[in-house]
Protein backbone atom coordinates (compact mmCIF):
# COMPACT_ATOMS: atom_id res chain seq x y z
CA MET A 1 61.31 78.61 -140.16
CA GLN A 2 59.38 79.58 -137.14
CA SER A 3 58.64 83.30 -136.67
CA LEU A 4 61.40 85.43 -135.07
CA THR A 5 60.26 87.81 -132.43
CA PHE A 6 61.53 91.26 -131.32
CA ARG A 7 62.54 89.83 -127.91
CA LEU A 8 64.71 87.08 -129.45
CA LEU A 9 66.33 89.43 -131.65
CA GLU A 10 66.81 91.81 -128.66
CA VAL A 11 68.32 89.23 -126.50
CA PHE A 12 70.78 88.05 -129.12
CA GLN A 13 71.96 91.49 -130.00
CA SER A 14 72.44 92.15 -126.34
CA ILE A 15 74.66 88.99 -125.95
CA VAL A 16 76.75 90.11 -128.85
CA ASP A 17 77.12 93.71 -127.70
CA HIS A 18 77.87 93.03 -124.14
CA GLY A 19 80.30 89.92 -124.82
CA SER A 20 78.44 87.33 -122.76
CA ILE A 21 75.17 85.84 -121.52
CA THR A 22 75.95 86.97 -117.90
CA ALA A 23 76.43 90.71 -119.14
CA ALA A 24 73.21 90.59 -121.39
CA SER A 25 71.13 89.12 -118.60
CA SER A 26 72.22 92.08 -116.46
CA ALA A 27 71.74 94.77 -119.13
CA LEU A 28 68.15 93.29 -119.89
CA SER A 29 67.19 92.75 -116.10
CA LEU A 30 66.67 88.86 -116.97
CA SER A 31 68.07 85.88 -115.27
CA GLN A 32 70.87 83.92 -117.09
CA PRO A 33 68.74 80.70 -117.45
CA THR A 34 66.19 82.87 -119.27
CA VAL A 35 68.72 84.49 -121.54
CA SER A 36 70.32 81.15 -122.29
CA LEU A 37 66.96 79.72 -123.02
CA GLN A 38 66.07 82.57 -125.45
CA LEU A 39 69.51 81.90 -127.20
CA LYS A 40 68.69 78.14 -127.38
CA LYS A 41 65.19 78.96 -128.95
CA LEU A 42 66.65 81.28 -131.42
CA SER A 43 69.39 78.75 -132.33
CA GLY A 44 66.61 76.16 -132.83
CA ILE A 45 64.63 78.40 -135.21
CA VAL A 46 67.58 79.18 -137.34
CA GLY A 47 68.61 75.51 -137.25
CA MET A 48 72.28 76.32 -136.74
CA PRO A 49 74.73 77.22 -133.93
CA LEU A 50 75.05 81.23 -133.57
CA PHE A 51 78.07 81.13 -131.33
CA GLU A 52 81.22 79.07 -130.93
CA GLN A 53 83.67 79.19 -128.06
CA THR A 54 87.09 80.64 -128.98
CA TYR A 55 89.63 80.78 -126.05
CA GLY A 56 86.88 81.04 -123.68
CA GLN A 57 85.10 83.87 -125.44
CA LEU A 58 81.83 83.83 -127.49
CA LYS A 59 82.45 84.30 -131.18
CA MET A 60 79.57 84.57 -133.72
CA THR A 61 79.36 81.92 -136.52
CA GLU A 62 78.41 82.98 -140.08
CA ALA A 63 74.78 82.20 -138.99
CA GLY A 64 75.22 84.26 -135.85
CA GLU A 65 76.57 87.20 -138.19
CA ALA A 66 73.49 86.78 -140.44
CA VAL A 67 71.13 86.90 -137.30
CA TYR A 68 72.95 89.87 -135.78
CA GLN A 69 72.59 91.97 -138.91
CA CYS A 70 68.92 91.10 -139.18
CA ALA A 71 68.61 92.03 -135.45
CA GLN A 72 70.11 95.42 -136.34
CA GLU A 73 68.04 96.20 -139.15
CA VAL A 74 64.64 95.01 -137.47
CA LEU A 75 65.27 96.63 -134.13
CA GLY A 76 66.86 99.86 -135.69
CA SER A 77 63.71 100.22 -137.87
CA GLN A 78 61.52 99.64 -134.81
CA SER A 79 63.60 102.48 -132.82
CA ARG A 80 63.47 104.82 -135.70
CA LEU A 81 59.61 104.31 -135.99
CA GLU A 82 59.24 105.09 -132.35
CA SER A 83 61.57 108.14 -132.55
CA GLN A 84 59.53 109.61 -135.48
CA VAL A 85 56.21 108.92 -133.94
CA HIS A 86 57.23 110.71 -130.81
CA ALA A 87 58.63 113.42 -132.85
CA LEU A 88 55.37 113.99 -134.60
CA LYS A 89 53.83 114.42 -131.04
CA GLY A 90 56.57 117.00 -130.25
CA VAL A 91 58.58 114.66 -128.00
CA GLU A 92 62.16 113.69 -128.53
CA ILE A 93 63.33 110.22 -127.72
CA GLY A 94 65.79 107.69 -129.09
CA THR A 95 69.02 106.00 -128.46
CA LEU A 96 72.53 107.25 -129.74
CA LYS A 97 75.37 104.55 -130.00
CA LEU A 98 78.59 106.25 -130.04
CA ALA A 99 81.93 104.57 -130.22
CA VAL A 100 85.22 106.61 -130.19
CA VAL A 101 89.03 105.80 -130.14
CA THR A 102 90.86 106.45 -126.99
CA THR A 103 92.34 109.87 -127.69
CA ALA A 104 88.82 111.16 -128.53
CA LYS A 105 87.51 110.54 -124.97
CA TYR A 106 89.06 113.89 -124.12
CA VAL A 107 87.16 115.45 -127.12
CA VAL A 108 83.66 113.91 -126.91
CA PRO A 109 82.45 114.47 -123.42
CA PRO A 110 82.57 118.28 -123.46
CA ILE A 111 80.31 117.94 -126.61
CA LEU A 112 78.15 115.41 -125.24
CA SER A 113 77.28 117.31 -122.05
CA PRO A 114 75.48 120.07 -123.64
CA PHE A 115 74.08 117.77 -126.14
CA CYS A 116 72.43 115.54 -123.53
CA LYS A 117 71.12 118.80 -121.53
CA GLN A 118 69.37 119.83 -124.82
CA HIS A 119 68.20 116.26 -125.65
CA PRO A 120 67.36 114.79 -122.26
CA ASN A 121 65.23 111.90 -123.59
CA ILE A 122 67.86 110.75 -125.89
CA GLU A 123 69.68 107.54 -124.28
CA VAL A 124 73.45 107.71 -125.05
CA ARG A 125 75.53 104.57 -125.09
CA PHE A 126 79.23 105.83 -125.09
CA ILE A 127 82.04 103.23 -125.96
CA VAL A 128 85.84 103.96 -125.72
CA GLY A 129 88.23 101.66 -127.31
CA ASN A 130 91.55 101.41 -129.17
CA ARG A 131 91.52 101.85 -132.97
CA ALA A 132 91.30 98.10 -133.57
CA ASP A 133 88.30 97.69 -131.30
CA ILE A 134 86.42 100.63 -132.80
CA ILE A 135 87.09 99.39 -136.35
CA ASP A 136 85.93 95.93 -135.35
CA ARG A 137 82.54 97.28 -133.89
CA MET A 138 82.27 99.36 -137.22
CA ARG A 139 82.64 96.31 -139.32
CA HIS A 140 79.91 94.67 -137.23
CA ASN A 141 77.67 97.86 -137.64
CA ARG A 142 77.19 97.96 -133.82
CA ASP A 143 77.02 101.87 -133.56
CA ASP A 144 75.47 104.92 -135.01
CA VAL A 145 78.49 107.11 -135.08
CA TYR A 146 82.27 106.46 -134.73
CA ILE A 147 84.94 109.17 -133.97
CA PHE A 148 88.45 108.78 -135.44
CA SER A 149 91.19 111.05 -136.08
CA GLN A 150 92.44 108.70 -138.93
CA PRO A 151 89.46 106.87 -140.27
CA PRO A 152 90.06 103.65 -142.14
CA GLN A 153 89.79 104.06 -146.00
CA ASP A 154 86.71 102.47 -147.01
CA ASP A 155 84.13 103.40 -149.80
CA ASN A 156 81.32 102.28 -147.40
CA LEU A 157 82.02 105.03 -144.96
CA VAL A 158 80.87 108.66 -144.72
CA CYS A 159 83.58 110.66 -143.05
CA THR A 160 82.73 114.11 -141.70
CA PRO A 161 85.48 116.32 -140.16
CA PHE A 162 84.37 118.52 -137.32
CA LEU A 163 87.31 119.77 -135.04
CA GLN A 164 90.98 120.19 -135.37
CA ASN A 165 93.30 117.78 -133.94
CA LYS A 166 96.76 119.26 -133.18
CA LEU A 167 99.68 117.04 -132.48
CA VAL A 168 102.60 118.77 -130.37
CA VAL A 169 106.06 117.63 -129.26
CA ILE A 170 106.37 117.44 -125.50
CA ALA A 171 109.38 117.15 -123.19
CA PRO A 172 109.99 116.83 -119.42
CA PRO A 173 109.58 120.05 -117.63
CA ASP A 174 113.39 120.33 -116.97
CA TYR A 175 114.36 119.54 -120.54
CA ASP A 176 117.27 121.69 -121.60
CA GLY A 177 117.96 120.22 -125.11
CA PRO A 178 117.33 121.59 -128.67
CA ASP A 179 114.13 123.82 -129.11
CA ASN A 180 113.08 126.08 -131.83
CA CYS A 181 114.38 123.34 -134.17
CA ASP A 182 113.06 120.77 -136.69
CA LEU A 183 112.23 117.20 -135.67
CA LYS A 184 115.44 115.72 -136.98
CA ALA A 185 117.35 117.73 -134.40
CA LEU A 186 115.60 115.71 -131.63
CA MET A 187 116.30 112.22 -132.99
CA ASP A 188 119.03 111.60 -130.50
CA HIS A 189 116.47 111.64 -127.80
CA LYS A 190 114.18 108.68 -126.85
CA PHE A 191 110.64 109.12 -128.13
CA LEU A 192 107.68 107.53 -126.48
CA LEU A 193 105.20 106.34 -129.11
CA ARG A 194 101.91 104.94 -129.36
CA GLU A 195 101.44 101.45 -130.89
CA TYR A 196 101.46 100.94 -134.60
CA GLY A 197 97.83 101.35 -135.79
CA SER A 198 96.84 104.04 -133.58
CA GLY A 199 95.58 107.29 -135.30
CA THR A 200 98.34 109.40 -133.55
CA ARG A 201 101.05 106.97 -134.51
CA ARG A 202 99.83 106.81 -138.28
CA ALA A 203 99.91 110.72 -138.52
CA ILE A 204 103.40 110.84 -137.02
CA GLN A 205 104.60 107.94 -139.17
CA ASP A 206 103.18 109.56 -142.45
CA TYR A 207 105.12 112.99 -141.43
CA CYS A 208 108.40 111.08 -140.71
CA ASP A 209 108.18 109.11 -144.00
CA SER A 210 107.59 112.25 -145.94
CA LYS A 211 110.75 113.73 -144.28
CA GLY A 212 112.78 110.43 -144.39
CA LEU A 213 112.97 110.48 -140.48
CA VAL A 214 113.35 107.21 -138.35
CA PHE A 215 113.10 107.15 -134.53
CA PRO A 216 116.43 105.40 -133.67
CA ASN A 217 115.55 105.05 -129.98
CA SER A 218 111.89 104.57 -129.16
CA MET A 219 109.61 102.89 -126.60
CA ILE A 220 105.99 101.76 -127.56
CA ILE A 221 103.51 102.74 -124.88
CA GLU A 222 99.87 101.87 -125.53
CA SER A 223 98.26 104.72 -123.55
CA ASN A 224 98.24 108.43 -124.02
CA GLU A 225 98.08 108.93 -120.13
CA ALA A 226 100.88 106.58 -119.66
CA ILE A 227 103.02 108.41 -122.29
CA ARG A 228 102.30 111.84 -120.66
CA LEU A 229 103.24 110.59 -117.21
CA ALA A 230 106.37 109.02 -118.58
CA VAL A 231 107.45 112.21 -120.24
CA THR A 232 106.70 114.13 -116.92
CA SER A 233 109.01 111.74 -115.10
CA GLY A 234 111.90 112.20 -117.66
CA LEU A 235 111.68 109.00 -119.47
CA GLY A 236 111.81 110.75 -122.84
CA LEU A 237 110.10 112.96 -125.50
CA ALA A 238 106.69 112.31 -127.21
CA ILE A 239 104.23 113.53 -129.76
CA LEU A 240 100.60 113.74 -128.41
CA SER A 241 97.35 115.53 -129.38
CA GLU A 242 96.72 118.90 -127.57
CA HIS A 243 93.40 117.33 -126.32
CA THR A 244 95.40 114.83 -124.30
CA LEU A 245 97.18 117.62 -122.43
CA ALA A 246 94.00 119.75 -121.97
CA HIS A 247 93.58 118.73 -118.31
CA THR A 248 97.24 118.37 -117.40
CA PRO A 249 98.94 120.83 -115.16
CA PRO A 250 100.70 123.39 -117.43
CA ASP A 251 104.22 122.83 -115.70
CA SER A 252 104.10 119.04 -115.87
CA VAL A 253 105.43 119.01 -119.47
CA LYS A 254 107.03 121.32 -121.81
CA VAL A 255 105.71 121.88 -125.32
CA LEU A 256 108.49 122.33 -127.75
CA LYS A 257 108.51 124.66 -130.73
CA VAL A 258 109.28 122.35 -133.61
CA LYS A 259 109.09 123.13 -137.36
CA ASP A 260 105.90 121.98 -138.92
CA PHE A 261 104.26 121.44 -135.61
CA PRO A 262 101.65 121.10 -134.49
CA LEU A 263 100.69 118.59 -137.06
CA VAL A 264 97.04 119.32 -137.84
CA ASN A 265 94.33 116.82 -138.88
CA HIS A 266 90.72 116.65 -138.06
CA TRP A 267 88.59 114.57 -135.84
CA GLN A 268 86.01 112.96 -138.05
CA ALA A 269 82.54 111.46 -137.48
CA VAL A 270 82.19 108.34 -139.29
CA THR A 271 78.96 106.57 -140.23
CA VAL A 272 78.36 103.37 -142.39
CA LYS A 273 76.57 104.12 -145.65
CA HIS A 274 74.20 101.07 -145.43
CA ARG A 275 72.95 101.84 -141.78
CA GLN A 276 70.15 104.22 -141.63
CA ILE A 277 70.85 107.21 -139.53
CA SER A 278 68.56 107.50 -136.56
CA LEU A 279 67.07 110.85 -135.51
CA ALA A 280 69.26 110.85 -132.42
CA ALA A 281 72.49 110.26 -134.58
CA GLN A 282 71.36 113.02 -136.92
CA ALA A 283 71.02 115.52 -133.99
CA PHE A 284 74.41 114.55 -132.62
CA GLN A 285 76.08 115.02 -135.99
CA LYS A 286 74.66 118.59 -136.16
CA ALA A 287 76.02 119.21 -132.69
CA LEU A 288 79.46 118.19 -133.85
CA LEU A 289 79.35 120.54 -136.90
CA ASN A 290 78.70 123.41 -134.43
CA VAL A 291 81.64 122.76 -132.41
CA GLU A 292 84.57 125.45 -132.55
């Protein structure tokens, strides 16, 4: 096998991370023909196709998965070395790759803001996606730190809780039904719920299973913002994180007093055991633990 180069690995990693040759060429400030040529050269060195087309999208082959893992290890080691050398010189640099589930987009920016001011030379790459998207990124080891309210159960993960996540029952502002009650008393109302698989839905489902409760009249909405707006317009009741309501006018929804609520769990910072933690990621994890 001919020698791999940092540049070839960097181009390949960028294609995977950005999802297309076009997006990678823009991110790397290279022409599309140049990126395509680099990919062809790398495929020739490996001697096997690295991508296949699936419904018009690039998907890594098994050989591509192996090359991607190699790219992460090699380029990650190079980045850590650069960071450590600069740290020895008293200069802090590095890249923090951070991926969070959608609800956490209300939680992370207020933490990132002071972190970026304190560490101005650290480049932050901030990805927001649904639970399935973030789990997929984690399985491919694409990021340094992942933020979940309900991390997947996996012995290869290190989960560190850092901030309470409180789920409350909300109603339209003109709601005049039961209050100061238990959740069972509200079951005649329509509930607007997140899709199965979301962290919020999993927490609600676990609670309902423990109480033998079933929502007889529900609507699935795959967005916290859409649920909040639907509640405001009178479509039904919902159970959402307080963080989702943080920037909502106080009179747009009514928070009900329901027994056992708020349901309390914790946001968790998740890392993959076999991925070496960069200095930038270590600094961010320390910042998370200082959040109150």
